C-alpha atoms as a PDB file:
ATOM      1  CA  MET A   1      90.583  94.520  93.762  1.00  0.00           C
ATOM      2  CA  ILE A   2      93.151  97.231  95.434  1.00  0.00           C
ATOM      3  CA  LEU A   3      94.257  98.988  92.869  1.00  0.00           C
ATOM      4  CA  PRO A   4      91.851 100.793  90.226  1.00  0.00           C
ATOM      5  CA  LEU A   5      93.358  99.835  86.983  1.00  0.00           C
ATOM      6  CA  ASP A   6      91.538 102.536  84.707  1.00  0.00           C
ATOM      7  CA  PRO A   7      93.299 105.400  86.679  1.00  0.00           C
ATOM      8  CA  LEU A   8      96.488 104.117  86.566  1.00  0.00           C
ATOM      9  CA  ILE A   9      96.912 103.074  83.222  1.00  0.00           C
ATOM     10  CA  GLY A  10      95.559 106.415  81.824  1.00  0.00           C
ATOM     11  CA  TYR A  11      98.049 108.326  84.541  1.00  0.00           C
ATOM     12  CA  GLU A  12      99.516 110.783  81.976  1.00  0.00           C
ATOM     13  CA  ASP A  13     101.363 112.948  84.409  1.00  0.00           C
ATOM     14  CA  ASN A  14     104.971 112.341  85.751  1.00  0.00           C
ATOM     15  CA  VAL A  15     105.300 108.805  86.498  1.00  0.00           C
ATOM     16  CA  TYR A  16     108.239 109.782  89.126  1.00  0.00           C
ATOM     17  CA  GLU A  17     106.030 112.187  90.466  1.00  0.00           C
ATOM     18  CA  LEU A  18     103.276 109.341  91.577  1.00  0.00           C
ATOM     19  CA  THR A  19     106.134 106.704  92.634  1.00  0.00           C
ATOM     20  CA  CYS A  20     107.787 109.742  94.877  1.00  0.00           C
ATOM     21  CA  ALA A  21     104.165 110.387  96.279  1.00  0.00           C
ATOM     22  CA  ALA A  22     103.578 106.890  96.711  1.00  0.00           C
ATOM     23  CA  ILE A  23     106.588 106.467  98.867  1.00  0.00           C
ATOM     24  CA  ARG A  24     105.773 109.381 100.981  1.00  0.00           C
ATOM     25  CA  ARG A  25     101.842 108.525 101.823  1.00  0.00           C
ATOM     26  CA  ALA A  26     102.986 104.804 102.790  1.00  0.00           C
ATOM     27  CA  TYR A  27     105.036 106.627 105.110  1.00  0.00           C
ATOM     28  CA  GLN A  28     102.334 108.931 106.367  1.00  0.00           C
ATOM     29  CA  ILE A  29     100.239 105.654 106.874  1.00  0.00           C
ATOM     30  CA  THR A  30     102.723 103.541 108.206  1.00  0.00           C
ATOM     31  CA  VAL A  31     103.555 106.085 111.294  1.00  0.00           C
ATOM     32  CA  THR A  32      99.366 107.648 111.964  1.00  0.00           C
ATOM     33  CA  GLY A  33      97.441 104.540 110.425  1.00  0.00           C
ATOM     34  CA  ASP A  34      94.687 104.415 107.945  1.00  0.00           C
ATOM     35  CA  GLU A  35      90.853 102.752 108.492  1.00  0.00           C
ATOM     36  CA  GLU A  36      91.789 101.302 104.127  1.00  0.00           C
ATOM     37  CA  ILE A  37      94.226  99.235 105.543  1.00  0.00           C
ATOM     38  CA  GLU A  38      92.298  96.639 107.018  1.00  0.00           C
ATOM     39  CA  ASP A  39      90.686  96.565 103.826  1.00  0.00           C
ATOM     40  CA  ASN A  40      93.902  95.934 101.893  1.00  0.00           C
ATOM     41  CA  HIS A  41      95.169  93.199 104.378  1.00  0.00           C
ATOM     42  CA  GLY A  42      97.718  95.319 105.263  1.00  0.00           C
ATOM     43  CA  LYS A  43      99.162  95.949 101.774  1.00  0.00           C
ATOM     44  CA  VAL A  44     100.470  99.783 102.721  1.00  0.00           C
ATOM     45  CA  VAL A  45     101.670 100.757  99.192  1.00  0.00           C
ATOM     46  CA  SER A  46      99.040  99.921  97.206  1.00  0.00           C
ATOM     47  CA  THR A  47      96.593 101.743  99.717  1.00  0.00           C
ATOM     48  CA  ALA A  48      98.979 104.876  99.291  1.00  0.00           C
ATOM     49  CA  ILE A  49      98.782 104.371  95.540  1.00  0.00           C
ATOM     50  CA  LYS A  50      95.111 104.128  95.405  1.00  0.00           C
ATOM     51  CA  GLN A  51      94.353 107.098  97.465  1.00  0.00           C
ATOM     52  CA  ILE A  52      96.393 109.495  95.445  1.00  0.00           C
ATOM     53  CA  LEU A  53      94.767 107.808  91.778  1.00  0.00           C
ATOM     54  CA  THR A  54      91.567 108.231  93.396  1.00  0.00           C
ATOM     55  CA  ARG A  55      91.827 111.685  94.486  1.00  0.00           C
ATOM     56  CA  LYS A  56      91.757 110.662  98.379  1.00  0.00           C
ATOM     57  CA  VAL A  57      95.052 112.224  98.755  1.00  0.00           C
ATOM     58  CA  VAL A  58      96.488 115.175  96.783  1.00  0.00           C
ATOM     59  CA  PHE A  59      99.865 115.850  96.126  1.00  0.00           C
ATOM     60  CA  ARG A  60     102.119 118.683  95.465  1.00  0.00           C
ATOM     61  CA  LEU A  61     105.908 118.837  94.813  1.00  0.00           C
ATOM     62  CA  GLU A  62     107.680 121.919  96.481  1.00  0.00           C
ATOM     63  CA  GLU A  63     110.773 123.123  94.896  1.00  0.00           C
END
């Protein structure tokens, strides 16, 4: 499975922030590449969301 459903269902923070972080991470993956892309059959956005939900990538918002 590409997305871990339990963390996604249990996500209690701001979904808009998750979406913005996933968009930014997907862009980073597109530009630099990632070893997980081949495992996920080239699905960049799904890989980005998975990395954020599993805390492989941590995001923060700057004001």
